[in-house]
Amino acid sequence: MLFRRCLAIAPPFSTLRRHSYGGRGLVPAAPPLYFHPAFSGIVDFLGHDFCEGPLKPGLYLVGTPIGNLEDITLRALRVLKSADVILSEDTRHSGKLLQYYNIRTPLLSYHKFNESQREQVVLRRLQSGEIVALISDAGMPGISDPGMELAKLCVEKNIPVIPVPGPSALVAALSASGLPTNEFTFVGFLPKHAASRRERLMVSANNPTTQVFFVPPHKLCQFLEETCSIFGQSRRCVIAREMTKLHEEFWRGTIGEAKEAFTAHPPRGEITLLIEGVKVSEVETFSESQLENELGELISKGHSLSMKDWNPDMMFDVIEL
């Protein structure tokens, strides 16, 4: 009787579909979860209640799948179902996810082109005590996606900002890369301006930690061309493509090999690209004469060398050039 009164929010257990990790065979969908009216929470087949009480008002940053629709948490489903409105980067794209899990919460577009216009509207709704969920097309909102400015505004106005952790292309690629993961630098998307892009790549090339980039597929060849000249052709890299989807691929080799391989066969799909950090022994050291020349150049440009005006970052800028 208990389950006859429950509202299903996931596809039936009998649903079969092709596994998106390589497409080998058919696997059952995850066991259905249910929304129980009596508890306002999510329960599984055994009737275990996952509810932690009513959600408090605030901005919820909800992680969503980066490809495979099964990669979503019970808490994320509950928040999306309970919210007064869901801010979405692309309402058509997010609509598929909500339809898949039978969630009927209203969607409101929120992307980089209307972010500034939407902020005050959303802020008023939050100040009136509403529950607002923010999602991006994939992964965690605010990480190379809209949401950072809204989260900052809410913090300034003392409005609760609650993360609901979920899938991340950054962490997924890093964990399976085979490159060092104890330390890494997330760069994300590079600047569009060529000079700014080169400057950022030069900083990454001299960094001993694994460097992680987001690269649009149509800009991969340009990226490999530029990194070849700055990082060198022998630096190891990993190109993670279409993660969690049917045609998931992890390509491993050197930057030079990647340039040759992908120039001949341009890829499709979202790309997370990782490059190993520079070996400590390869970090360039400077002789006393070189340092004297650099200091002389700083003086000629009008920089003061008195201790009260000394900025240690200025020295690092010189060393990284």
C-alpha atoms as a PDB file:
ATOM      1  CA  MET A   1       0.000   0.000   0.000  1.00  0.00           C
ATOM      2  CA  LEU A   2       2.881   2.322   0.783  1.00  0.00           C
ATOM      3  CA  PHE A   3       4.229   2.398  -2.770  1.00  0.00           C
ATOM      4  CA  ARG A   4       0.791   2.733  -4.372  1.00  0.00           C
ATOM      5  CA  ARG A   5       0.615   6.180  -2.783  1.00  0.00           C
ATOM      6  CA  CYS A   6       4.117   7.184  -3.887  1.00  0.00           C
ATOM      7  CA  LEU A   7       4.909   9.337  -6.862  1.00  0.00           C
ATOM      8  CA  ALA A   8       7.689   7.876  -9.008  1.00  0.00           C
ATOM      9  CA  ILE A   9      10.450  10.293  -9.993  1.00  0.00           C
ATOM     10  CA  ALA A  10      12.660   7.831 -11.868  1.00  0.00           C
ATOM     11  CA  PRO A  11      12.119   5.440 -14.787  1.00  0.00           C
ATOM     12  CA  PRO A  12      10.883   1.907 -13.970  1.00  0.00           C
ATOM     13  CA  PHE A  13      13.456  -0.664 -12.887  1.00  0.00           C
ATOM     14  CA  SER A  14      12.569  -2.791 -15.886  1.00  0.00           C
ATOM     15  CA  THR A  15      13.771  -0.073 -18.273  1.00  0.00           C
ATOM     16  CA  LEU A  16      16.804  -1.290 -20.204  1.00  0.00           C
ATOM     17  CA  ARG A  17      19.190   0.875 -22.171  1.00  0.00           C
ATOM     18  CA  ARG A  18      22.675   0.767 -23.560  1.00  0.00           C
ATOM     19  CA  HIS A  19      25.398   1.562 -21.052  1.00  0.00           C
ATOM     20  CA  SER A  20      27.025   4.868 -21.958  1.00  0.00           C
ATOM     21  CA  TYR A  21      30.508   3.789 -20.836  1.00  0.00           C
ATOM     22  CA  GLY A  22      31.566   2.185 -24.105  1.00  0.00           C
ATOM     23  CA  GLY A  23      28.184   0.715 -25.024  1.00  0.00           C
ATOM     24  CA  ARG A  24      28.907  -2.916 -24.116  1.00  0.00           C
ATOM     25  CA  GLY A  25      25.566  -4.633 -23.655  1.00  0.00           C
ATOM     26  CA  LEU A  26      22.358  -3.559 -21.960  1.00  0.00           C
ATOM     27  CA  VAL A  27      22.138  -2.753 -18.285  1.00  0.00           C
ATOM     28  CA  PRO A  28      19.128  -2.053 -16.085  1.00  0.00           C
ATOM     29  CA  ALA A  29      18.392   1.478 -15.053  1.00  0.00           C
ATOM     30  CA  ALA A  30      18.926   2.401 -11.421  1.00  0.00           C
ATOM     31  CA  PRO A  31      16.213   1.162  -9.007  1.00  0.00           C
ATOM     32  CA  PRO A  32      13.356   3.681  -8.910  1.00  0.00           C
ATOM     33  CA  LEU A  33      13.244   6.346  -6.245  1.00  0.00           C
ATOM     34  CA  TYR A  34       9.941   7.602  -4.923  1.00  0.00           C
ATOM     35  CA  PHE A  35       8.598  10.815  -3.528  1.00  0.00           C
ATOM     36  CA  HIS A  36       6.574   9.984  -0.433  1.00  0.00           C
ATOM     37  CA  PRO A  37       3.821  12.567   0.255  1.00  0.00           C
ATOM     38  CA  ALA A  38       3.653  11.740   3.949  1.00  0.00           C
ATOM     39  CA  PHE A  39       7.334  12.500   4.564  1.00  0.00           C
ATOM     40  CA  SER A  40       8.018  14.983   1.706  1.00  0.00           C
ATOM     41  CA  GLY A  41      11.171  13.009   1.068  1.00  0.00           C
ATOM     42  CA  ILE A  42      12.708  10.379  -1.168  1.00  0.00           C
ATOM     43  CA  VAL A  43      12.465   6.712  -0.279  1.00  0.00           C
ATOM     44  CA  ASP A  44      13.885   3.605  -1.927  1.00  0.00           C
ATOM     45  CA  PHE A  45      12.348   0.156  -2.438  1.00  0.00           C
ATOM     46  CA  LEU A  46      12.819  -0.704   1.248  1.00  0.00           C
ATOM     47  CA  GLY A  47      11.059   2.436   2.394  1.00  0.00           C
ATOM     48  CA  HIS A  48      14.181   4.122   3.797  1.00  0.00           C
ATOM     49  CA  ASP A  49      13.532   7.840   4.188  1.00  0.00           C
ATOM     50  CA  PHE A  50      16.245  10.111   2.794  1.00  0.00           C
ATOM     51  CA  CYS A  51      14.472  13.295   3.886  1.00  0.00           C
ATOM     52  CA  GLU A  52      16.333  15.655   6.213  1.00  0.00           C
ATOM     53  CA  GLY A  53      13.350  17.895   6.831  1.00  0.00           C
ATOM     54  CA  PRO A  54      12.028  20.803   4.757  1.00  0.00           C
ATOM     55  CA  LEU A  55      14.580  22.704   2.690  1.00  0.00           C
ATOM     56  CA  LYS A  56      15.500  26.119   4.012  1.00  0.00           C
ATOM     57  CA  PRO A  57      15.208  29.113   1.670  1.00  0.00           C
ATOM     58  CA  GLY A  58      18.327  30.061  -0.260  1.00  0.00           C
ATOM     59  CA  LEU A  59      20.331  29.551  -3.423  1.00  0.00           C
ATOM     60  CA  TYR A  60      21.123  25.893  -4.136  1.00  0.00           C
ATOM     61  CA  LEU A  61      24.001  25.206  -6.551  1.00  0.00           C
ATOM     62  CA  VAL A  62      23.075  21.781  -7.903  1.00  0.00           C
ATOM     63  CA  GLY A  63      25.488  19.489  -9.743  1.00  0.00           C
ATOM     64  CA  THR A  64      23.966  17.766 -12.776  1.00  0.00           C
ATOM     65  CA  PRO A  65      25.214  14.961 -15.088  1.00  0.00           C
ATOM     66  CA  ILE A  66      28.030  15.727 -17.528  1.00  0.00           C
ATOM     67  CA  GLY A  67      26.641  13.180 -19.986  1.00  0.00           C
ATOM     68  CA  ASN A  68      25.122  10.106 -18.385  1.00  0.00           C
ATOM     69  CA  LEU A  69      21.691  10.951 -16.937  1.00  0.00           C
ATOM     70  CA  GLU A  70      22.149   8.371 -14.168  1.00  0.00           C
ATOM     71  CA  ASP A  71      24.973  10.426 -12.648  1.00  0.00           C
ATOM     72  CA  ILE A  72      22.820  12.483 -10.285  1.00  0.00           C
ATOM     73  CA  THR A  73      22.442  12.308  -6.506  1.00  0.00           C
ATOM     74  CA  LEU A  74      19.301  11.659  -4.470  1.00  0.00           C
ATOM     75  CA  ARG A  75      19.764  15.037  -2.811  1.00  0.00           C
ATOM     76  CA  ALA A  76      19.984  16.821  -6.157  1.00  0.00           C
ATOM     77  CA  LEU A  77      16.688  15.237  -7.244  1.00  0.00           C
ATOM     78  CA  ARG A  78      15.017  16.268  -4.008  1.00  0.00           C
ATOM     79  CA  VAL A  79      16.243  19.880  -4.266  1.00  0.00           C
ATOM     80  CA  LEU A  80      15.185  20.186  -7.916  1.00  0.00           C
ATOM     81  CA  LYS A  81      11.741  18.816  -7.094  1.00  0.00           C
ATOM     82  CA  SER A  82      11.291  21.016  -4.006  1.00  0.00           C
ATOM     83  CA  ALA A  83      12.580  24.307  -5.431  1.00  0.00           C
ATOM     84  CA  ASP A  84      10.246  27.167  -6.319  1.00  0.00           C
ATOM     85  CA  VAL A  85      12.213  27.773  -9.524  1.00  0.00           C
ATOM     86  CA  ILE A  86      15.222  26.305 -11.319  1.00  0.00           C
ATOM     87  CA  LEU A  87      17.669  28.673 -12.997  1.00  0.00           C
ATOM     88  CA  SER A  88      18.995  26.936 -16.090  1.00  0.00           C
ATOM     89  CA  GLU A  89      21.741  27.770 -18.578  1.00  0.00           C
ATOM     90  CA  ASP A  90      19.709  26.203 -21.411  1.00  0.00           C
ATOM     91  CA  THR A  91      16.062  25.439 -20.584  1.00  0.00           C
ATOM     92  CA  ARG A  92      15.679  23.052 -23.542  1.00  0.00           C
ATOM     93  CA  HIS A  93      18.731  21.042 -22.491  1.00  0.00           C
ATOM     94  CA  SER A  94      17.775  20.977 -18.797  1.00  0.00           C
ATOM     95  CA  GLY A  95      14.184  20.137 -19.691  1.00  0.00           C
ATOM     96  CA  LYS A  96      15.320  16.714 -20.878  1.00  0.00           C
ATOM     97  CA  LEU A  97      16.869  15.974 -17.474  1.00  0.00           C
ATOM     98  CA  LEU A  98      13.778  17.112 -15.589  1.00  0.00           C
ATOM     99  CA  GLN A  99      11.483  15.139 -17.893  1.00  0.00           C
ATOM    100  CA  TYR A 100      13.614  12.022 -17.407  1.00  0.00           C
ATOM    101  CA  TYR A 101      13.088  12.252 -13.626  1.00  0.00           C
ATOM    102  CA  ASN A 102       9.484  13.500 -13.802  1.00  0.00           C
ATOM    103  CA  ILE A 103      10.305  16.857 -12.180  1.00  0.00           C
ATOM    104  CA  ARG A 104       7.881  19.676 -13.001  1.00  0.00           C
ATOM    105  CA  THR A 105       9.520  22.638 -11.246  1.00  0.00           C
ATOM    106  CA  PRO A 106       9.388  25.799 -13.429  1.00  0.00           C
ATOM    107  CA  LEU A 107      12.554  26.687 -15.366  1.00  0.00           C
ATOM    108  CA  LEU A 108      13.960  30.193 -15.802  1.00  0.00           C
ATOM    109  CA  SER A 109      16.796  30.855 -18.251  1.00  0.00           C
ATOM    110  CA  TYR A 110      20.021  32.104 -16.651  1.00  0.00           C
ATOM    111  CA  HIS A 111      23.126  32.341 -18.833  1.00  0.00           C
ATOM    112  CA  LYS A 112      26.079  34.618 -19.529  1.00  0.00           C
ATOM    113  CA  PHE A 113      24.047  36.833 -21.875  1.00  0.00           C
ATOM    114  CA  ASN A 114      21.273  37.651 -19.365  1.00  0.00           C
ATOM    115  CA  GLU A 115      23.097  37.044 -16.079  1.00  0.00           C
ATOM    116  CA  SER A 116      23.295  40.717 -15.064  1.00  0.00           C
ATOM    117  CA  GLN A 117      19.625  41.363 -15.947  1.00  0.00           C
ATOM    118  CA  ARG A 118      18.362  38.321 -14.054  1.00  0.00           C
ATOM    119  CA  GLU A 119      20.333  38.939 -10.830  1.00  0.00           C
ATOM    120  CA  GLN A 120      17.974  41.493  -9.272  1.00  0.00           C
ATOM    121  CA  VAL A 121      14.879  39.462 -10.179  1.00  0.00           C
ATOM    122  CA  VAL A 122      16.371  36.353  -8.599  1.00  0.00           C
ATOM    123  CA  LEU A 123      17.605  38.328  -5.595  1.00  0.00           C
ATOM    124  CA  ARG A 124      14.091  39.597  -4.854  1.00  0.00           C
ATOM    125  CA  ARG A 125      12.706  36.066  -4.999  1.00  0.00           C
ATOM    126  CA  LEU A 126      15.403  34.850  -2.618  1.00  0.00           C
ATOM    127  CA  GLN A 127      14.806  37.737  -0.212  1.00  0.00           C
ATOM    128  CA  SER A 128      11.105  36.850  -0.174  1.00  0.00           C
ATOM    129  CA  GLY A 129      12.005  33.380   1.154  1.00  0.00           C
ATOM    130  CA  GLU A 130      11.939  31.251  -1.975  1.00  0.00           C
ATOM    131  CA  ILE A 131      14.074  28.195  -2.712  1.00  0.00           C
ATOM    132  CA  VAL A 132      16.049  28.796  -5.909  1.00  0.00           C
ATOM    133  CA  ALA A 133      18.060  26.015  -7.569  1.00  0.00           C
ATOM    134  CA  LEU A 134      20.783  26.881 -10.065  1.00  0.00           C
ATOM    135  CA  ILE A 135      22.004  24.314 -12.597  1.00  0.00           C
ATOM    136  CA  SER A 136      24.279  24.498 -15.622  1.00  0.00           C
ATOM    137  CA  ASP A 137      24.208  22.396 -18.780  1.00  0.00           C
ATOM    138  CA  ALA A 138      26.612  19.944 -17.129  1.00  0.00           C
ATOM    139  CA  GLY A 139      28.527  19.640 -13.876  1.00  0.00           C
ATOM    140  CA  MET A 140      28.653  22.162 -11.056  1.00  0.00           C
ATOM    141  CA  PRO A 141      27.332  25.672 -11.745  1.00  0.00           C
ATOM    142  CA  GLY A 142      29.741  28.538 -11.200  1.00  0.00           C
ATOM    143  CA  ILE A 143      32.779  26.549 -12.368  1.00  0.00           C
ATOM    144  CA  SER A 144      33.504  27.878 -15.868  1.00  0.00           C
ATOM    145  CA  ASP A 145      29.721  28.336 -16.071  1.00  0.00           C
ATOM    146  CA  PRO A 146      27.195  31.006 -14.997  1.00  0.00           C
ATOM    147  CA  GLY A 147      26.601  31.321 -11.262  1.00  0.00           C
ATOM    148  CA  MET A 148      29.722  32.856  -9.759  1.00  0.00           C
ATOM    149  CA  GLU A 149      28.380  36.419  -9.723  1.00  0.00           C
ATOM    150  CA  LEU A 150      25.007  35.358  -8.310  1.00  0.00           C
ATOM    151  CA  ALA A 151      26.699  33.378  -5.531  1.00  0.00           C
ATOM    152  CA  LYS A 152      28.876  36.423  -4.692  1.00  0.00           C
ATOM    153  CA  LEU A 153      25.807  38.678  -4.595  1.00  0.00           C
ATOM    154  CA  CYS A 154      23.959  36.289  -2.272  1.00  0.00           C
ATOM    155  CA  VAL A 155      26.932  36.117   0.084  1.00  0.00           C
ATOM    156  CA  GLU A 156      27.066  39.933   0.193  1.00  0.00           C
ATOM    157  CA  LYS A 157      23.325  40.054   1.021  1.00  0.00           C
ATOM    158  CA  ASN A 158      23.616  37.294   3.688  1.00  0.00           C
ATOM    159  CA  ILE A 159      21.450  34.912   1.675  1.00  0.00           C
ATOM    160  CA  PRO A 160      22.360  31.232   2.232  1.00  0.00           C
ATOM    161  CA  VAL A 161      24.296  29.631  -0.642  1.00  0.00           C
ATOM    162  CA  ILE A 162      24.087  25.843  -0.422  1.00  0.00           C
ATOM    163  CA  PRO A 163      26.208  23.548  -2.635  1.00  0.00           C
ATOM    164  CA  VAL A 164      24.674  20.254  -3.731  1.00  0.00           C
ATOM    165  CA  PRO A 165      27.782  18.385  -4.988  1.00  0.00           C
ATOM    166  CA  GLY A 166      27.611  16.354  -8.158  1.00  0.00           C
ATOM    167  CA  PRO A 167      29.519  15.334 -11.295  1.00  0.00           C
ATOM    168  CA  SER A 168      32.536  17.357 -12.384  1.00  0.00           C
ATOM    169  CA  ALA A 169      34.433  17.025 -15.668  1.00  0.00           C
ATOM    170  CA  LEU A 170      37.527  18.382 -13.913  1.00  0.00           C
ATOM    171  CA  VAL A 171      37.588  15.715 -11.193  1.00  0.00           C
ATOM    172  CA  ALA A 172      36.469  12.886 -13.487  1.00  0.00           C
ATOM    173  CA  ALA A 173      39.222  13.572 -16.033  1.00  0.00           C
ATOM    174  CA  LEU A 174      41.890  14.097 -13.394  1.00  0.00           C
ATOM    175  CA  SER A 175      41.063  10.899 -11.502  1.00  0.00           C
ATOM    176  CA  ALA A 176      41.382   8.707 -14.636  1.00  0.00           C
ATOM    177  CA  SER A 177      44.220  10.602 -16.337  1.00  0.00           C
ATOM    178  CA  GLY A 178      47.186   8.722 -14.936  1.00  0.00           C
ATOM    179  CA  LEU A 179      48.918  12.060 -14.271  1.00  0.00           C
ATOM    180  CA  PRO A 180      49.809  13.268 -10.755  1.00  0.00           C
ATOM    181  CA  THR A 181      46.682  14.248  -8.813  1.00  0.00           C
ATOM    182  CA  ASN A 182      48.168  15.266  -5.460  1.00  0.00           C
ATOM    183  CA  GLU A 183      48.512  18.819  -6.802  1.00  0.00           C
ATOM    184  CA  PHE A 184      46.925  20.373  -9.870  1.00  0.00           C
ATOM    185  CA  THR A 185      45.975  23.745 -11.353  1.00  0.00           C
ATOM    186  CA  PHE A 186      42.557  24.237 -12.902  1.00  0.00           C
ATOM    187  CA  VAL A 187      42.860  26.779 -15.716  1.00  0.00           C
ATOM    188  CA  GLY A 188      39.517  26.194 -17.426  1.00  0.00           C
ATOM    189  CA  PHE A 189      38.907  28.019 -20.705  1.00  0.00           C
ATOM    190  CA  LEU A 190      41.768  30.162 -22.008  1.00  0.00           C
ATOM    191  CA  PRO A 191      41.309  33.854 -22.886  1.00  0.00           C
ATOM    192  CA  LYS A 192      40.196  34.649 -26.420  1.00  0.00           C
ATOM    193  CA  HIS A 193      42.870  37.317 -26.946  1.00  0.00           C
ATOM    194  CA  ALA A 194      46.071  35.758 -28.359  1.00  0.00           C
ATOM    195  CA  ALA A 195      48.491  37.749 -26.173  1.00  0.00           C
ATOM    196  CA  SER A 196      46.562  36.985 -22.973  1.00  0.00           C
ATOM    197  CA  ARG A 197      46.291  33.346 -23.974  1.00  0.00           C
ATOM    198  CA  ARG A 198      50.038  33.047 -24.567  1.00  0.00           C
ATOM    199  CA  GLU A 199      50.810  34.769 -21.272  1.00  0.00           C
ATOM    200  CA  ARG A 200      48.587  32.302 -19.383  1.00  0.00           C
ATOM    201  CA  LEU A 201      50.124  29.313 -21.158  1.00  0.00           C
ATOM    202  CA  MET A 202      53.636  30.504 -20.251  1.00  0.00           C
ATOM    203  CA  VAL A 203      52.646  30.555 -16.575  1.00  0.00           C
ATOM    204  CA  SER A 204      51.222  27.015 -16.854  1.00  0.00           C
ATOM    205  CA  ALA A 205      54.283  25.723 -18.731  1.00  0.00           C
ATOM    206  CA  ASN A 206      56.551  26.603 -15.781  1.00  0.00           C
ATOM    207  CA  ASN A 207      54.217  25.192 -13.137  1.00  0.00           C
ATOM    208  CA  PRO A 208      55.175  21.822 -11.563  1.00  0.00           C
ATOM    209  CA  THR A 209      51.524  20.790 -11.020  1.00  0.00           C
ATOM    210  CA  THR A 210      49.219  19.031 -13.489  1.00  0.00           C
ATOM    211  CA  GLN A 211      47.450  21.666 -15.615  1.00  0.00           C
ATOM    212  CA  VAL A 212      43.758  21.176 -16.464  1.00  0.00           C
ATOM    213  CA  PHE A 213      42.064  22.989 -19.348  1.00  0.00           C
ATOM    214  CA  PHE A 214      38.615  23.054 -20.915  1.00  0.00           C
ATOM    215  CA  VAL A 215      39.016  23.175 -24.703  1.00  0.00           C
ATOM    216  CA  PRO A 216      36.206  23.541 -27.267  1.00  0.00           C
ATOM    217  CA  PRO A 217      36.628  20.838 -29.949  1.00  0.00           C
ATOM    218  CA  HIS A 218      36.890  23.385 -32.780  1.00  0.00           C
ATOM    219  CA  LYS A 219      39.823  25.066 -30.984  1.00  0.00           C
ATOM    220  CA  LEU A 220      41.780  21.926 -30.109  1.00  0.00           C
ATOM    221  CA  CYS A 221      44.209  22.180 -33.047  1.00  0.00           C
ATOM    222  CA  GLN A 222      44.966  25.807 -32.215  1.00  0.00           C
ATOM    223  CA  PHE A 223      45.484  24.869 -28.564  1.00  0.00           C
ATOM    224  CA  LEU A 224      47.925  22.059 -29.434  1.00  0.00           C
ATOM    225  CA  GLU A 225      49.814  24.313 -31.843  1.00  0.00           C
ATOM    226  CA  GLU A 226      50.321  26.940 -29.142  1.00  0.00           C
ATOM    227  CA  THR A 227      51.176  24.491 -26.362  1.00  0.00           C
ATOM    228  CA  CYS A 228      53.716  22.726 -28.586  1.00  0.00           C
ATOM    229  CA  SER A 229      55.731  25.930 -28.903  1.00  0.00           C
ATOM    230  CA  ILE A 230      55.424  26.864 -25.208  1.00  0.00           C
ATOM    231  CA  PHE A 231      55.389  23.530 -23.319  1.00  0.00           C
ATOM    232  CA  GLY A 232      57.504  21.620 -25.840  1.00  0.00           C
ATOM    233  CA  GLN A 233      56.458  18.625 -27.897  1.00  0.00           C
ATOM    234  CA  SER A 234      57.604  15.991 -25.391  1.00  0.00           C
ATOM    235  CA  ARG A 235      55.383  17.015 -22.465  1.00  0.00           C
ATOM    236  CA  ARG A 236      52.811  14.320 -21.639  1.00  0.00           C
ATOM    237  CA  CYS A 237      49.118  15.124 -21.989  1.00  0.00           C
ATOM    238  CA  VAL A 238      45.725  13.443 -21.670  1.00  0.00           C
ATOM    239  CA  ILE A 239      42.705  14.375 -23.771  1.00  0.00           C
ATOM    240  CA  ALA A 240      39.434  13.290 -22.137  1.00  0.00           C
ATOM    241  CA  ARG A 241      36.523  13.437 -24.554  1.00  0.00           C
ATOM    242  CA  GLU A 242      32.793  12.698 -24.216  1.00  0.00           C
ATOM    243  CA  MET A 243      33.202  11.518 -20.607  1.00  0.00           C
ATOM    244  CA  THR A 244      30.412   9.274 -19.238  1.00  0.00           C
ATOM    245  CA  LYS A 245      28.834   9.088 -22.709  1.00  0.00           C
ATOM    246  CA  LEU A 246      28.668   6.261 -25.252  1.00  0.00           C
ATOM    247  CA  HIS A 247      31.845   7.331 -27.082  1.00  0.00           C
ATOM    248  CA  GLU A 248      33.948   8.204 -24.050  1.00  0.00           C
ATOM    249  CA  GLU A 249      37.661   8.388 -24.899  1.00  0.00           C
ATOM    250  CA  PHE A 250      40.884   9.006 -22.994  1.00  0.00           C
ATOM    251  CA  TRP A 251      43.743   9.736 -25.400  1.00  0.00           C
ATOM    252  CA  ARG A 252      47.230   9.636 -23.859  1.00  0.00           C
ATOM    253  CA  GLY A 253      50.561  10.681 -25.350  1.00  0.00           C
ATOM    254  CA  THR A 254      52.800  13.709 -25.826  1.00  0.00           C
ATOM    255  CA  ILE A 255      51.652  17.132 -26.983  1.00  0.00           C
ATOM    256  CA  GLY A 256      53.531  16.598 -30.248  1.00  0.00           C
ATOM    257  CA  GLU A 257      51.794  13.264 -30.844  1.00  0.00           C
ATOM    258  CA  ALA A 258      48.428  14.806 -30.010  1.00  0.00           C
ATOM    259  CA  LYS A 259      49.016  17.605 -32.502  1.00  0.00           C
ATOM    260  CA  GLU A 260      49.758  15.082 -35.237  1.00  0.00           C
ATOM    261  CA  ALA A 261      46.823  12.812 -34.351  1.00  0.00           C
ATOM    262  CA  PHE A 262      44.099  15.435 -33.991  1.00  0.00           C
ATOM    263  CA  THR A 263      45.172  17.657 -36.864  1.00  0.00           C
ATOM    264  CA  ALA A 264      44.465  14.718 -39.175  1.00  0.00           C
ATOM    265  CA  HIS A 265      41.225  13.764 -37.397  1.00  0.00           C
ATOM    266  CA  PRO A 266      39.548  16.698 -35.612  1.00  0.00           C
ATOM    267  CA  PRO A 267      37.497  15.465 -32.638  1.00  0.00           C
ATOM    268  CA  ARG A 268      33.893  16.038 -31.625  1.00  0.00           C
ATOM    269  CA  GLY A 269      32.400  16.481 -28.196  1.00  0.00           C
ATOM    270  CA  GLU A 270      33.393  18.259 -25.002  1.00  0.00           C
ATOM    271  CA  ILE A 271      37.101  18.086 -24.149  1.00  0.00           C
ATOM    272  CA  THR A 272      38.983  18.265 -20.859  1.00  0.00           C
ATOM    273  CA  LEU A 273      42.727  18.410 -21.546  1.00  0.00           C
ATOM    274  CA  LEU A 274      45.421  17.758 -18.948  1.00  0.00           C
ATOM    275  CA  ILE A 275      49.160  18.445 -19.266  1.00  0.00           C
ATOM    276  CA  GLU A 276      51.779  17.163 -16.844  1.00  0.00           C
ATOM    277  CA  GLY A 277      53.625  19.745 -14.774  1.00  0.00           C
ATOM    278  CA  VAL A 278      57.187  20.760 -15.498  1.00  0.00           C
ATOM    279  CA  LYS A 279      59.802  18.637 -13.765  1.00  0.00           C
ATOM    280  CA  VAL A 280      61.452  20.503 -10.898  1.00  0.00           C
ATOM    281  CA  SER A 281      64.886  20.021 -12.492  1.00  0.00           C
ATOM    282  CA  GLU A 282      63.583  21.685 -15.665  1.00  0.00           C
ATOM    283  CA  VAL A 283      62.551  24.922 -13.960  1.00  0.00           C
ATOM    284  CA  GLU A 284      64.771  27.656 -15.316  1.00  0.00           C
ATOM    285  CA  THR A 285      67.323  29.148 -12.914  1.00  0.00           C
ATOM    286  CA  PHE A 286      68.878  32.546 -13.336  1.00  0.00           C
ATOM    287  CA  SER A 287      72.509  33.590 -12.939  1.00  0.00           C
ATOM    288  CA  GLU A 288      73.509  36.704 -11.002  1.00  0.00           C
ATOM    289  CA  SER A 289      74.197  38.577 -14.251  1.00  0.00           C
ATOM    290  CA  GLN A 290      70.728  37.690 -15.574  1.00  0.00           C
ATOM    291  CA  LEU A 291      69.118  38.889 -12.354  1.00  0.00           C
ATOM    292  CA  GLU A 292      71.130  42.129 -12.527  1.00  0.00           C
ATOM    293  CA  ASN A 293      69.913  42.671 -16.102  1.00  0.00           C
ATOM    294  CA  GLU A 294      66.308  42.029 -15.088  1.00  0.00           C
ATOM    295  CA  LEU A 295      66.600  44.425 -12.123  1.00  0.00           C
ATOM    296  CA  GLY A 296      68.160  47.036 -14.389  1.00  0.00           C
ATOM    297  CA  GLU A 297      65.232  46.688 -16.762  1.00  0.00           C
ATOM    298  CA  LEU A 298      62.777  47.160 -13.891  1.00  0.00           C
ATOM    299  CA  ILE A 299      64.599  50.335 -12.790  1.00  0.00           C
ATOM    300  CA  SER A 300      64.563  51.673 -16.362  1.00  0.00           C
ATOM    301  CA  LYS A 301      60.787  51.187 -16.414  1.00  0.00           C
ATOM    302  CA  GLY A 302      60.400  53.325 -13.310  1.00  0.00           C
ATOM    303  CA  HIS A 303      59.999  50.590 -10.658  1.00  0.00           C
ATOM    304  CA  SER A 304      61.299  51.474  -7.195  1.00  0.00           C
ATOM    305  CA  LEU A 305      63.614  49.002  -5.455  1.00  0.00           C
ATOM    306  CA  SER A 306      63.200  50.463  -1.945  1.00  0.00           C
ATOM    307  CA  MET A 307      61.893  47.988   0.621  1.00  0.00           C
ATOM    308  CA  LYS A 308      58.779  50.046   1.372  1.00  0.00           C
ATOM    309  CA  ASP A 309      57.745  49.802  -2.278  1.00  0.00           C
ATOM    310  CA  TRP A 310      58.901  46.236  -2.796  1.00  0.00           C
ATOM    311  CA  ASN A 311      56.335  43.795  -4.161  1.00  0.00           C
ATOM    312  CA  PRO A 312      57.527  40.163  -4.083  1.00  0.00           C
ATOM    313  CA  ASP A 313      55.105  39.241  -6.879  1.00  0.00           C
ATOM    314  CA  MET A 314      57.124  41.548  -9.149  1.00  0.00           C
ATOM    315  CA  MET A 315      60.101  39.218  -8.857  1.00  0.00           C
ATOM    316  CA  PHE A 316      58.019  36.158  -9.712  1.00  0.00           C
ATOM    317  CA  ASP A 317      56.649  37.912 -12.776  1.00  0.00           C
ATOM    318  CA  VAL A 318      60.214  38.401 -13.975  1.00  0.00           C
ATOM    319  CA  ILE A 319      61.179  34.794 -13.327  1.00  0.00           C
ATOM    320  CA  GLU A 320      58.126  33.415 -15.168  1.00  0.00           C
ATOM    321  CA  LEU A 321      58.795  35.381 -18.344  1.00  0.00           C
END
